[in-house]
Amino acid sequence: MREYCLIVEGAYLSEPEAEHALRDPFIEDWVEQTGHFKIHNMDEIQITPGVTLGSLGVVMLDDRLFEIASTDPSHPLTELKAKGVAEALRRQDMFEEIKVKPCDEDLDEELIDDEVES
């Protein structure tokens, strides 16, 4: 099975800033729903079916450019899951550009068109 990741662009200067941008809206939604948040809840907060907030990691690739991928080797992002994460991030509006690509491809190779038709 091929593993996918997201390439995102945003006005963040470091990995921790981008990680906060990824996590904060979902944590805020969780707190609104449950009234509290503890660090172990990261593995309970579903971004899209089969993907939890705690299973995603952020790596800085270049200025304002980051890769978001699964940090859980037993649960890699499939193309469908990666597209679900991309759509959830678009709804949160924390990144300017969000693209899905196979993790084993170079950035220069063509990114998958993951626009969801409404």
PDB file of N, CA and C in Angstrom:
ATOM      1  N   MET A   1       0.852  -1.183   0.000  1.00  0.00           N
ATOM      2  CA  MET A   1       0.000   0.000   0.000  1.00  0.00           C
ATOM      3  C   MET A   1       0.895   1.242   0.000  1.00  0.00           C
ATOM      4  N   ARG A   2       0.536   2.202  -0.808  1.00  0.00           N
ATOM      5  CA  ARG A   2       1.306   3.438  -0.921  1.00  0.00           C
ATOM      6  C   ARG A   2       0.914   4.405   0.204  1.00  0.00           C
ATOM      7  N   GLU A   3       1.902   5.068   0.775  1.00  0.00           N
ATOM      8  CA  GLU A   3       1.647   6.028   1.847  1.00  0.00           C
ATOM      9  C   GLU A   3       1.607   7.439   1.274  1.00  0.00           C
ATOM     10  N   TYR A   4       0.670   8.234   1.779  1.00  0.00           N
ATOM     11  CA  TYR A   4       0.488   9.603   1.310  1.00  0.00           C
ATOM     12  C   TYR A   4       0.758  10.594   2.433  1.00  0.00           C
ATOM     13  N   CYS A   5       1.034  11.822   2.048  1.00  0.00           N
ATOM     14  CA  CYS A   5       1.233  12.899   3.008  1.00  0.00           C
ATOM     15  C   CYS A   5       0.636  14.175   2.422  1.00  0.00           C
ATOM     16  N   LEU A   6       0.619  15.211   3.231  1.00  0.00           N
ATOM     17  CA  LEU A   6       0.126  16.507   2.775  1.00  0.00           C
ATOM     18  C   LEU A   6       1.290  17.482   2.760  1.00  0.00           C
ATOM     19  N   ILE A   7       1.320  18.310   1.757  1.00  0.00           N
ATOM     20  CA  ILE A   7       2.273  19.410   1.686  1.00  0.00           C
ATOM     21  C   ILE A   7       1.441  20.671   1.874  1.00  0.00           C
ATOM     22  N   VAL A   8       1.764  21.419   2.926  1.00  0.00           N
ATOM     23  CA  VAL A   8       0.976  22.609   3.252  1.00  0.00           C
ATOM     24  C   VAL A   8       1.873  23.836   3.288  1.00  0.00           C
ATOM     25  N   GLU A   9       1.274  24.960   2.969  1.00  0.00           N
ATOM     26  CA  GLU A   9       1.997  26.229   3.019  1.00  0.00           C
ATOM     27  C   GLU A   9       1.239  27.165   3.937  1.00  0.00           C
ATOM     28  N   GLY A  10       1.986  27.845   4.801  1.00  0.00           N
ATOM     29  CA  GLY A  10       1.362  28.778   5.721  1.00  0.00           C
ATOM     30  C   GLY A  10       2.381  29.734   6.296  1.00  0.00           C
ATOM     31  N   ALA A  11       1.905  30.768   6.925  1.00  0.00           N
ATOM     32  CA  ALA A  11       2.768  31.832   7.455  1.00  0.00           C
ATOM     33  C   ALA A  11       3.353  31.446   8.811  1.00  0.00           C
ATOM     34  N   TYR A  12       3.991  30.296   8.861  1.00  0.00           N
ATOM     35  CA  TYR A  12       4.575  29.807  10.107  1.00  0.00           C
ATOM     36  C   TYR A  12       6.087  29.710   9.934  1.00  0.00           C
ATOM     37  N   LEU A  13       6.817  30.097  10.975  1.00  0.00           N
ATOM     38  CA  LEU A  13       8.268  30.175  10.882  1.00  0.00           C
ATOM     39  C   LEU A  13       8.973  28.930  11.406  1.00  0.00           C
ATOM     40  N   SER A  14       8.233  28.001  12.023  1.00  0.00           N
ATOM     41  CA  SER A  14       8.871  26.828  12.602  1.00  0.00           C
ATOM     42  C   SER A  14       7.892  25.656  12.622  1.00  0.00           C
ATOM     43  N   GLU A  15       8.438  24.467  12.857  1.00  0.00           N
ATOM     44  CA  GLU A  15       7.595  23.279  12.983  1.00  0.00           C
ATOM     45  C   GLU A  15       6.608  23.409  14.142  1.00  0.00           C
ATOM     46  N   PRO A  16       7.046  23.875  15.327  1.00  0.00           N
ATOM     47  CA  PRO A  16       6.062  24.000  16.421  1.00  0.00           C
ATOM     48  C   PRO A  16       4.904  24.946  16.082  1.00  0.00           C
ATOM     49  N   GLU A  17       5.181  26.048  15.379  1.00  0.00           N
ATOM     50  CA  GLU A  17       4.096  26.964  14.987  1.00  0.00           C
ATOM     51  C   GLU A  17       3.121  26.271  14.046  1.00  0.00           C
ATOM     52  N   ALA A  18       3.642  25.545  13.070  1.00  0.00           N
ATOM     53  CA  ALA A  18       2.783  24.839  12.111  1.00  0.00           C
ATOM     54  C   ALA A  18       2.004  23.728  12.816  1.00  0.00           C
ATOM     55  N   GLU A  19       2.658  23.058  13.767  1.00  0.00           N
ATOM     56  CA  GLU A  19       1.982  22.011  14.531  1.00  0.00           C
ATOM     57  C   GLU A  19       0.828  22.593  15.345  1.00  0.00           C
ATOM     58  N   HIS A  20       1.038  23.757  15.949  1.00  0.00           N
ATOM     59  CA  HIS A  20      -0.052  24.436  16.677  1.00  0.00           C
ATOM     60  C   HIS A  20      -1.185  24.788  15.716  1.00  0.00           C
ATOM     61  N   ALA A  21      -0.841  25.263  14.530  1.00  0.00           N
ATOM     62  CA  ALA A  21      -1.864  25.616  13.537  1.00  0.00           C
ATOM     63  C   ALA A  21      -2.670  24.385  13.134  1.00  0.00           C
ATOM     64  N   LEU A  22      -2.001  23.249  13.047  1.00  0.00           N
ATOM     65  CA  LEU A  22      -2.683  22.002  12.715  1.00  0.00           C
ATOM     66  C   LEU A  22      -3.610  21.583  13.854  1.00  0.00           C
ATOM     67  N   ARG A  23      -3.122  21.616  15.073  1.00  0.00           N
ATOM     68  CA  ARG A  23      -3.847  21.023  16.201  1.00  0.00           C
ATOM     69  C   ARG A  23      -4.876  21.925  16.867  1.00  0.00           C
ATOM     70  N   ASP A  24      -4.584  23.224  16.982  1.00  0.00           N
ATOM     71  CA  ASP A  24      -5.430  24.109  17.783  1.00  0.00           C
ATOM     72  C   ASP A  24      -6.913  24.089  17.420  1.00  0.00           C
ATOM     73  N   PRO A  25      -7.295  24.193  16.151  1.00  0.00           N
ATOM     74  CA  PRO A  25      -8.741  24.217  15.858  1.00  0.00           C
ATOM     75  C   PRO A  25      -9.445  22.925  16.271  1.00  0.00           C
ATOM     76  N   PHE A  26      -8.767  21.791  16.128  1.00  0.00           N
ATOM     77  CA  PHE A  26      -9.383  20.518  16.501  1.00  0.00           C
ATOM     78  C   PHE A  26      -9.472  20.375  18.020  1.00  0.00           C
ATOM     79  N   ILE A  27      -8.450  20.857  18.721  1.00  0.00           N
ATOM     80  CA  ILE A  27      -8.483  20.830  20.187  1.00  0.00           C
ATOM     81  C   ILE A  27      -9.585  21.755  20.693  1.00  0.00           C
ATOM     82  N   GLU A  28      -9.718  22.942  20.090  1.00  0.00           N
ATOM     83  CA  GLU A  28     -10.782  23.871  20.491  1.00  0.00           C
ATOM     84  C   GLU A  28     -12.155  23.240  20.282  1.00  0.00           C
ATOM     85  N   ASP A  29     -12.360  22.566  19.153  1.00  0.00           N
ATOM     86  CA  ASP A  29     -13.635  21.881  18.897  1.00  0.00           C
ATOM     87  C   ASP A  29     -13.885  20.805  19.953  1.00  0.00           C
ATOM     88  N   TRP A  30     -12.819  20.076  20.298  1.00  0.00           N
ATOM     89  CA  TRP A  30     -12.927  19.006  21.313  1.00  0.00           C
ATOM     90  C   TRP A  30     -13.355  19.599  22.658  1.00  0.00           C
ATOM     91  N   VAL A  31     -12.726  20.710  23.039  1.00  0.00           N
ATOM     92  CA  VAL A  31     -13.048  21.347  24.321  1.00  0.00           C
ATOM     93  C   VAL A  31     -14.497  21.842  24.312  1.00  0.00           C
ATOM     94  N   GLU A  32     -14.945  22.400  23.184  1.00  0.00           N
ATOM     95  CA  GLU A  32     -16.338  22.848  23.090  1.00  0.00           C
ATOM     96  C   GLU A  32     -17.302  21.678  23.268  1.00  0.00           C
ATOM     97  N   GLN A  33     -16.927  20.519  22.716  1.00  0.00           N
ATOM     98  CA  GLN A  33     -17.810  19.348  22.790  1.00  0.00           C
ATOM     99  C   GLN A  33     -17.761  18.658  24.144  1.00  0.00           C
ATOM    100  N   THR A  34     -16.570  18.577  24.748  1.00  0.00           N
ATOM    101  CA  THR A  34     -16.415  17.775  25.965  1.00  0.00           C
ATOM    102  C   THR A  34     -16.215  18.608  27.226  1.00  0.00           C
ATOM    103  N   GLY A  35     -15.800  19.859  27.077  1.00  0.00           N
ATOM    104  CA  GLY A  35     -15.581  20.712  28.233  1.00  0.00           C
ATOM    105  C   GLY A  35     -14.177  20.663  28.796  1.00  0.00           C
ATOM    106  N   HIS A  36     -13.326  19.754  28.290  1.00  0.00           N
ATOM    107  CA  HIS A  36     -11.961  19.654  28.798  1.00  0.00           C
ATOM    108  C   HIS A  36     -11.055  18.998  27.752  1.00  0.00           C
ATOM    109  N   PHE A  37      -9.753  19.097  27.978  1.00  0.00           N
ATOM    110  CA  PHE A  37      -8.772  18.463  27.102  1.00  0.00           C
ATOM    111  C   PHE A  37      -7.589  18.004  27.932  1.00  0.00           C
ATOM    112  N   LYS A  38      -7.154  16.790  27.681  1.00  0.00           N
ATOM    113  CA  LYS A  38      -5.919  16.254  28.262  1.00  0.00           C
ATOM    114  C   LYS A  38      -5.090  15.708  27.115  1.00  0.00           C
ATOM    115  N   ILE A  39      -3.786  15.655  27.289  1.00  0.00           N
ATOM    116  CA  ILE A  39      -2.888  15.295  26.195  1.00  0.00           C
ATOM    117  C   ILE A  39      -3.229  13.928  25.593  1.00  0.00           C
ATOM    118  N   HIS A  40      -3.715  12.985  26.388  1.00  0.00           N
ATOM    119  CA  HIS A  40      -4.068  11.667  25.829  1.00  0.00           C
ATOM    120  C   HIS A  40      -5.277  11.752  24.896  1.00  0.00           C
ATOM    121  N   ASN A  41      -6.041  12.848  24.957  1.00  0.00           N
ATOM    122  CA  ASN A  41      -7.179  13.017  24.051  1.00  0.00           C
ATOM    123  C   ASN A  41      -6.749  13.173  22.596  1.00  0.00           C
ATOM    124  N   MET A  42      -5.470  13.504  22.365  1.00  0.00           N
ATOM    125  CA  MET A  42      -4.989  13.675  20.986  1.00  0.00           C
ATOM    126  C   MET A  42      -5.230  12.404  20.166  1.00  0.00           C
ATOM    127  N   ASP A  43      -5.170  11.243  20.827  1.00  0.00           N
ATOM    128  CA  ASP A  43      -5.394   9.984  20.120  1.00  0.00           C
ATOM    129  C   ASP A  43      -6.876   9.637  20.007  1.00  0.00           C
ATOM    130  N   GLU A  44      -7.736  10.477  20.550  1.00  0.00           N
ATOM    131  CA  GLU A  44      -9.179  10.272  20.450  1.00  0.00           C
ATOM    132  C   GLU A  44      -9.827  11.241  19.471  1.00  0.00           C
ATOM    133  N   ILE A  45      -9.161  12.357  19.196  1.00  0.00           N
ATOM    134  CA  ILE A  45      -9.731  13.383  18.320  1.00  0.00           C
ATOM    135  C   ILE A  45      -9.565  12.942  16.868  1.00  0.00           C
ATOM    136  N   GLN A  46     -10.691  12.637  16.225  1.00  0.00           N
ATOM    137  CA  GLN A  46     -10.665  12.175  14.836  1.00  0.00           C
ATOM    138  C   GLN A  46     -10.666  13.376  13.886  1.00  0.00           C
ATOM    139  N   ILE A  47      -9.683  13.397  12.990  1.00  0.00           N
ATOM    140  CA  ILE A  47      -9.624  14.439  11.959  1.00  0.00           C
ATOM    141  C   ILE A  47     -10.535  14.029  10.811  1.00  0.00           C
ATOM    142  N   THR A  48     -10.434  12.769  10.440  1.00  0.00           N
ATOM    143  CA  THR A  48     -11.233  12.146   9.390  1.00  0.00           C
ATOM    144  C   THR A  48     -11.291  10.667   9.780  1.00  0.00           C
ATOM    145  N   PRO A  49     -12.231   9.893   9.280  1.00  0.00           N
ATOM    146  CA  PRO A  49     -12.312   8.493   9.705  1.00  0.00           C
ATOM    147  C   PRO A  49     -10.958   7.766   9.589  1.00  0.00           C
ATOM    148  N   GLY A  50     -10.523   7.169  10.695  1.00  0.00           N
ATOM    149  CA  GLY A  50      -9.282   6.406  10.707  1.00  0.00           C
ATOM    150  C   GLY A  50      -8.021   7.210  10.969  1.00  0.00           C
ATOM    151  N   VAL A  51      -8.148   8.535  11.181  1.00  0.00           N
ATOM    152  CA  VAL A  51      -6.967   9.377  11.421  1.00  0.00           C
ATOM    153  C   VAL A  51      -7.216  10.237  12.661  1.00  0.00           C
ATOM    154  N   THR A  52      -6.357  10.049  13.669  1.00  0.00           N
ATOM    155  CA  THR A  52      -6.484  10.866  14.871  1.00  0.00           C
ATOM    156  C   THR A  52      -5.448  11.980  14.864  1.00  0.00           C
ATOM    157  N   LEU A  53      -5.743  13.018  15.603  1.00  0.00           N
ATOM    158  CA  LEU A  53      -4.844  14.172  15.694  1.00  0.00           C
ATOM    159  C   LEU A  53      -3.466  13.753  16.207  1.00  0.00           C
ATOM    160  N   GLY A  54      -3.440  12.825  17.156  1.00  0.00           N
ATOM    161  CA  GLY A  54      -2.181  12.383  17.736  1.00  0.00           C
ATOM    162  C   GLY A  54      -1.308  11.572  16.793  1.00  0.00           C
ATOM    163  N   SER A  55      -1.884  11.099  15.684  1.00  0.00           N
ATOM    164  CA  SER A  55      -1.108  10.269  14.754  1.00  0.00           C
ATOM    165  C   SER A  55      -0.427  11.088  13.660  1.00  0.00           C
ATOM    166  N   LEU A  56      -0.613  12.410  13.671  1.00  0.00           N
ATOM    167  CA  LEU A  56      -0.034  13.250  12.620  1.00  0.00           C
ATOM    168  C   LEU A  56       1.165  14.031  13.126  1.00  0.00           C
ATOM    169  N   GLY A  57       2.190  14.110  12.294  1.00  0.00           N
ATOM    170  CA  GLY A  57       3.379  14.880  12.615  1.00  0.00           C
ATOM    171  C   GLY A  57       3.648  15.916  11.538  1.00  0.00           C
ATOM    172  N   VAL A  58       4.371  16.966  11.909  1.00  0.00           N
ATOM    173  CA  VAL A  58       4.683  18.068  10.996  1.00  0.00           C
ATOM    174  C   VAL A  58       6.193  18.187  10.867  1.00  0.00           C
ATOM    175  N   VAL A  59       6.668  18.306   9.621  1.00  0.00           N
ATOM    176  CA  VAL A  59       8.089  18.509   9.349  1.00  0.00           C
ATOM    177  C   VAL A  59       8.225  19.719   8.430  1.00  0.00           C
ATOM    178  N   MET A  60       9.127  20.638   8.776  1.00  0.00           N
ATOM    179  CA  MET A  60       9.366  21.817   7.941  1.00  0.00           C
ATOM    180  C   MET A  60      10.250  21.423   6.763  1.00  0.00           C
ATOM    181  N   LEU A  61       9.803  21.744   5.546  1.00  0.00           N
ATOM    182  CA  LEU A  61      10.550  21.425   4.333  1.00  0.00           C
ATOM    183  C   LEU A  61      11.327  22.622   3.809  1.00  0.00           C
ATOM    184  N   ASP A  62      10.744  23.808   3.976  1.00  0.00           N
ATOM    185  CA  ASP A  62      11.325  25.039   3.467  1.00  0.00           C
ATOM    186  C   ASP A  62      10.590  26.187   4.163  1.00  0.00           C
ATOM    187  N   ASP A  63      10.984  27.419   3.866  1.00  0.00           N
ATOM    188  CA  ASP A  63      10.267  28.553   4.446  1.00  0.00           C
ATOM    189  C   ASP A  63       8.787  28.433   4.116  1.00  0.00           C
ATOM    190  N   ARG A  64       7.953  28.427   5.150  1.00  0.00           N
ATOM    191  CA  ARG A  64       6.497  28.390   5.018  1.00  0.00           C
ATOM    192  C   ARG A  64       5.951  27.101   4.395  1.00  0.00           C
ATOM    193  N   LEU A  65       6.784  26.087   4.190  1.00  0.00           N
ATOM    194  CA  LEU A  65       6.361  24.843   3.543  1.00  0.00           C
ATOM    195  C   LEU A  65       6.589  23.663   4.497  1.00  0.00           C
ATOM    196  N   PHE A  66       5.531  22.881   4.727  1.00  0.00           N
ATOM    197  CA  PHE A  66       5.579  21.804   5.701  1.00  0.00           C
ATOM    198  C   PHE A  66       4.957  20.535   5.140  1.00  0.00           C
ATOM    199  N   GLU A  67       5.418  19.410   5.674  1.00  0.00           N
ATOM    200  CA  GLU A  67       4.822  18.117   5.346  1.00  0.00           C
ATOM    201  C   GLU A  67       4.083  17.626   6.580  1.00  0.00           C
ATOM    202  N   ILE A  68       2.862  17.154   6.366  1.00  0.00           N
ATOM    203  CA  ILE A  68       2.069  16.532   7.431  1.00  0.00           C
ATOM    204  C   ILE A  68       1.897  15.071   7.028  1.00  0.00           C
ATOM    205  N   ALA A  69       2.313  14.169   7.913  1.00  0.00           N
ATOM    206  CA  ALA A  69       2.239  12.738   7.614  1.00  0.00           C
ATOM    207  C   ALA A  69       1.912  11.965   8.885  1.00  0.00           C
ATOM    208  N   SER A  70       1.553  10.705   8.700  1.00  0.00           N
ATOM    209  CA  SER A  70       1.288   9.839   9.837  1.00  0.00           C
ATOM    210  C   SER A  70       2.597   9.497  10.536  1.00  0.00           C
ATOM    211  N   THR A  71       2.578   9.547  11.852  1.00  0.00           N
ATOM    212  CA  THR A  71       3.748   9.143  12.642  1.00  0.00           C
ATOM    213  C   THR A  71       3.559   7.726  13.174  1.00  0.00           C
ATOM    214  N   ASP A  72       2.448   7.098  12.825  1.00  0.00           N
ATOM    215  CA  ASP A  72       2.133   5.748  13.285  1.00  0.00           C
ATOM    216  C   ASP A  72       2.361   4.768  12.138  1.00  0.00           C
ATOM    217  N   PRO A  73       3.466   4.007  12.161  1.00  0.00           N
ATOM    218  CA  PRO A  73       3.778   3.107  11.050  1.00  0.00           C
ATOM    219  C   PRO A  73       2.702   2.048  10.794  1.00  0.00           C
ATOM    220  N   SER A  74       1.921   1.717  11.803  1.00  0.00           N
ATOM    221  CA  SER A  74       0.869   0.718  11.592  1.00  0.00           C
ATOM    222  C   SER A  74      -0.414   1.336  11.017  1.00  0.00           C
ATOM    223  N   HIS A  75      -0.459   2.667  10.935  1.00  0.00           N
ATOM    224  CA  HIS A  75      -1.617   3.355  10.349  1.00  0.00           C
ATOM    225  C   HIS A  75      -1.153   4.474   9.407  1.00  0.00           C
ATOM    226  N   PRO A  76      -0.555   4.121   8.261  1.00  0.00           N
ATOM    227  CA  PRO A  76      -0.122   5.167   7.323  1.00  0.00           C
ATOM    228  C   PRO A  76      -1.342   5.851   6.693  1.00  0.00           C
ATOM    229  N   LEU A  77      -1.111   7.023   6.135  1.00  0.00           N
ATOM    230  CA  LEU A  77      -2.191   7.718   5.432  1.00  0.00           C
ATOM    231  C   LEU A  77      -2.354   7.108   4.045  1.00  0.00           C
ATOM    232  N   THR A  78      -3.532   6.576   3.781  1.00  0.00           N
ATOM    233  CA  THR A  78      -3.861   6.146   2.424  1.00  0.00           C
ATOM    234  C   THR A  78      -4.244   7.396   1.639  1.00  0.00           C
ATOM    235  N   GLU A  79      -4.419   7.265   0.350  1.00  0.00           N
ATOM    236  CA  GLU A  79      -4.827   8.425  -0.446  1.00  0.00           C
ATOM    237  C   GLU A  79      -6.165   8.974   0.054  1.00  0.00           C
ATOM    238  N   LEU A  80      -7.110   8.091   0.351  1.00  0.00           N
ATOM    239  CA  LEU A  80      -8.427   8.519   0.816  1.00  0.00           C
ATOM    240  C   LEU A  80      -8.340   9.242   2.162  1.00  0.00           C
ATOM    241  N   LYS A  81      -7.547   8.689   3.097  1.00  0.00           N
ATOM    242  CA  LYS A  81      -7.388   9.334   4.404  1.00  0.00           C
ATOM    243  C   LYS A  81      -6.682  10.682   4.260  1.00  0.00           C
ATOM    244  N   ALA A  82      -5.659  10.744   3.418  1.00  0.00           N
ATOM    245  CA  ALA A  82      -4.933  12.005   3.213  1.00  0.00           C
ATOM    246  C   ALA A  82      -5.863  13.066   2.635  1.00  0.00           C
ATOM    247  N   LYS A  83      -6.721  12.670   1.703  1.00  0.00           N
ATOM    248  CA  LYS A  83      -7.679  13.625   1.133  1.00  0.00           C
ATOM    249  C   LYS A  83      -8.681  14.078   2.194  1.00  0.00           C
ATOM    250  N   GLY A  84      -9.073  13.179   3.096  1.00  0.00           N
ATOM    251  CA  GLY A  84      -9.963  13.542   4.192  1.00  0.00           C
ATOM    252  C   GLY A  84      -9.322  14.540   5.136  1.00  0.00           C
ATOM    253  N   VAL A  85      -8.036  14.316   5.449  1.00  0.00           N
ATOM    254  CA  VAL A  85      -7.303  15.261   6.296  1.00  0.00           C
ATOM    255  C   VAL A  85      -7.199  16.612   5.593  1.00  0.00           C
ATOM    256  N   ALA A  86      -6.896  16.592   4.291  1.00  0.00           N
ATOM    257  CA  ALA A  86      -6.786  17.839   3.522  1.00  0.00           C
ATOM    258  C   ALA A  86      -8.092  18.623   3.573  1.00  0.00           C
ATOM    259  N   GLU A  87      -9.209  17.932   3.413  1.00  0.00           N
ATOM    260  CA  GLU A  87     -10.512  18.605   3.442  1.00  0.00           C
ATOM    261  C   GLU A  87     -10.793  19.180   4.832  1.00  0.00           C
ATOM    262  N   ALA A  88     -10.451  18.435   5.884  1.00  0.00           N
ATOM    263  CA  ALA A  88     -10.643  18.935   7.256  1.00  0.00           C
ATOM    264  C   ALA A  88      -9.782  20.176   7.493  1.00  0.00           C
ATOM    265  N   LEU A  89      -8.547  20.178   6.984  1.00  0.00           N
ATOM    266  CA  LEU A  89      -7.675  21.347   7.155  1.00  0.00           C
ATOM    267  C   LEU A  89      -8.198  22.542   6.366  1.00  0.00           C
ATOM    268  N   ARG A  90      -8.772  22.296   5.200  1.00  0.00           N
ATOM    269  CA  ARG A  90      -9.348  23.406   4.426  1.00  0.00           C
ATOM    270  C   ARG A  90     -10.494  24.052   5.197  1.00  0.00           C
ATOM    271  N   ARG A  91     -11.302  23.239   5.840  1.00  0.00           N
ATOM    272  CA  ARG A  91     -12.423  23.783   6.627  1.00  0.00           C
ATOM    273  C   ARG A  91     -11.906  24.629   7.782  1.00  0.00           C
ATOM    274  N   GLN A  92     -10.772  24.249   8.376  1.00  0.00           N
ATOM    275  CA  GLN A  92     -10.201  25.001   9.496  1.00  0.00           C
ATOM    276  C   GLN A  92      -9.485  26.262   9.015  1.00  0.00           C
ATOM    277  N   ASP A  93      -9.076  26.302   7.758  1.00  0.00           N
ATOM    278  CA  ASP A  93      -8.484  27.493   7.132  1.00  0.00           C
ATOM    279  C   ASP A  93      -7.220  27.989   7.847  1.00  0.00           C
ATOM    280  N   MET A  94      -6.352  27.072   8.235  1.00  0.00           N
ATOM    281  CA  MET A  94      -5.115  27.447   8.927  1.00  0.00           C
ATOM    282  C   MET A  94      -3.908  27.474   7.985  1.00  0.00           C
ATOM    283  N   PHE A  95      -4.051  26.902   6.795  1.00  0.00           N
ATOM    284  CA  PHE A  95      -2.961  26.864   5.822  1.00  0.00           C
ATOM    285  C   PHE A  95      -3.462  27.438   4.503  1.00  0.00           C
ATOM    286  N   GLU A  96      -2.557  28.138   3.782  1.00  0.00           N
ATOM    287  CA  GLU A  96      -2.947  28.777   2.528  1.00  0.00           C
ATOM    288  C   GLU A  96      -3.056  27.774   1.385  1.00  0.00           C
ATOM    289  N   GLU A  97      -2.135  26.819   1.322  1.00  0.00           N
ATOM    290  CA  GLU A  97      -2.136  25.797   0.275  1.00  0.00           C
ATOM    291  C   GLU A  97      -2.087  24.435   0.942  1.00  0.00           C
ATOM    292  N   ILE A  98      -2.864  23.492   0.415  1.00  0.00           N
ATOM    293  CA  ILE A  98      -2.867  22.127   0.945  1.00  0.00           C
ATOM    294  C   ILE A  98      -2.913  21.180  -0.246  1.00  0.00           C
ATOM    295  N   LYS A  99      -1.895  20.346  -0.370  1.00  0.00           N
ATOM    296  CA  LYS A  99      -1.819  19.370  -1.460  1.00  0.00           C
ATOM    297  C   LYS A  99      -1.552  17.987  -0.880  1.00  0.00           C
ATOM    298  N   VAL A 100      -2.023  16.971  -1.580  1.00  0.00           N
ATOM    299  CA  VAL A 100      -1.794  15.579  -1.199  1.00  0.00           C
ATOM    300  C   VAL A 100      -0.826  14.970  -2.202  1.00  0.00           C
ATOM    301  N   LYS A 101       0.139  14.175  -1.707  1.00  0.00           N
ATOM    302  CA  LYS A 101       1.067  13.503  -2.613  1.00  0.00           C
ATOM    303  C   LYS A 101       1.552  12.206  -1.979  1.00  0.00           C
ATOM    304  N   PRO A 102       1.987  11.263  -2.807  1.00  0.00           N
ATOM    305  CA  PRO A 102       2.622  10.064  -2.241  1.00  0.00           C
ATOM    306  C   PRO A 102       3.893  10.475  -1.504  1.00  0.00           C
ATOM    307  N   CYS A 103       4.131   9.887  -0.351  1.00  0.00           N
ATOM    308  CA  CYS A 103       5.292  10.272   0.467  1.00  0.00           C
ATOM    309  C   CYS A 103       6.618   9.960  -0.194  1.00  0.00           C
ATOM    310  N   ASP A 104       6.647   9.001  -1.088  1.00  0.00           N
ATOM    311  CA  ASP A 104       7.918   8.614  -1.693  1.00  0.00           C
ATOM    312  C   ASP A 104       8.271   9.411  -2.943  1.00  0.00           C
ATOM    313  N   GLU A 105       7.478  10.413  -3.287  1.00  0.00           N
ATOM    314  CA  GLU A 105       7.775  11.244  -4.453  1.00  0.00           C
ATOM    315  C   GLU A 105       8.460  12.532  -4.030  1.00  0.00           C
ATOM    316  N   ASP A 106       9.287  13.062  -4.940  1.00  0.00           N
ATOM    317  CA  ASP A 106       9.918  14.356  -4.702  1.00  0.00           C
ATOM    318  C   ASP A 106       8.876  15.459  -4.787  1.00  0.00           C
ATOM    319  N   LEU A 107       9.172  16.582  -4.166  1.00  0.00           N
ATOM    320  CA  LEU A 107       8.260  17.734  -4.226  1.00  0.00           C
ATOM    321  C   LEU A 107       8.049  18.219  -5.647  1.00  0.00           C
ATOM    322  N   ASP A 108       9.047  18.061  -6.492  1.00  0.00           N
ATOM    323  CA  ASP A 108       8.944  18.564  -7.865  1.00  0.00           C
ATOM    324  C   ASP A 108       7.968  17.753  -8.708  1.00  0.00           C
ATOM    325  N   GLU A 109       7.716  16.509  -8.305  1.00  0.00           N
ATOM    326  CA  GLU A 109       6.792  15.695  -9.070  1.00  0.00           C
ATOM    327  C   GLU A 109       5.371  16.218  -8.869  1.00  0.00           C
ATOM    328  N   GLU A 110       4.514  15.879  -9.808  1.00  0.00           N
ATOM    329  CA  GLU A 110       3.151  16.412  -9.795  1.00  0.00           C
ATOM    330  C   GLU A 110       2.373  15.995  -8.550  1.00  0.00           C
ATOM    331  N   LEU A 111       1.744  16.952  -7.923  1.00  0.00           N
ATOM    332  CA  LEU A 111       0.905  16.683  -6.752  1.00  0.00           C
ATOM    333  C   LEU A 111      -0.466  16.209  -7.225  1.00  0.00           C
ATOM    334  N   ILE A 112      -1.112  15.436  -6.408  1.00  0.00           N
ATOM    335  CA  ILE A 112      -2.430  14.920  -6.739  1.00  0.00           C
ATOM    336  C   ILE A 112      -3.453  16.029  -6.649  1.00  0.00           C
ATOM    337  N   ASP A 113      -4.337  16.063  -7.631  1.00  0.00           N
ATOM    338  CA  ASP A 113      -5.428  17.033  -7.578  1.00  0.00           C
ATOM    339  C   ASP A 113      -6.463  16.473  -6.624  1.00  0.00           C
ATOM    340  N   ASP A 114      -6.542  17.057  -5.440  1.00  0.00           N
ATOM    341  CA  ASP A 114      -7.428  16.512  -4.416  1.00  0.00           C
ATOM    342  C   ASP A 114      -8.602  17.421  -4.120  1.00  0.00           C
ATOM    343  N   GLU A 115      -8.950  18.255  -5.058  1.00  0.00           N
ATOM    344  CA  GLU A 115     -10.099  19.118  -4.854  1.00  0.00           C
ATOM    345  C   GLU A 115     -11.357  18.267  -4.760  1.00  0.00           C
ATOM    346  N   VAL A 116     -12.178  18.548  -3.793  1.00  0.00           N
ATOM    347  CA  VAL A 116     -13.421  17.815  -3.604  1.00  0.00           C
ATOM    348  C   VAL A 116     -14.526  18.614  -4.275  1.00  0.00           C
ATOM    349  N   GLU A 117     -15.253  17.918  -5.149  1.00  0.00           N
ATOM    350  CA  GLU A 117     -16.364  18.610  -5.825  1.00  0.00           C
ATOM    351  C   GLU A 117     -17.544  18.699  -4.883  1.00  0.00           C
ATOM    352  N   SER A 118     -18.215  19.853  -4.904  1.00  0.00           N
ATOM    353  CA  SER A 118     -19.375  19.975  -4.028  1.00  0.00           C
ATOM    354  C   SER A 118     -20.647  19.902  -4.823  1.00  0.00           C
TER     355      SER A 118
END
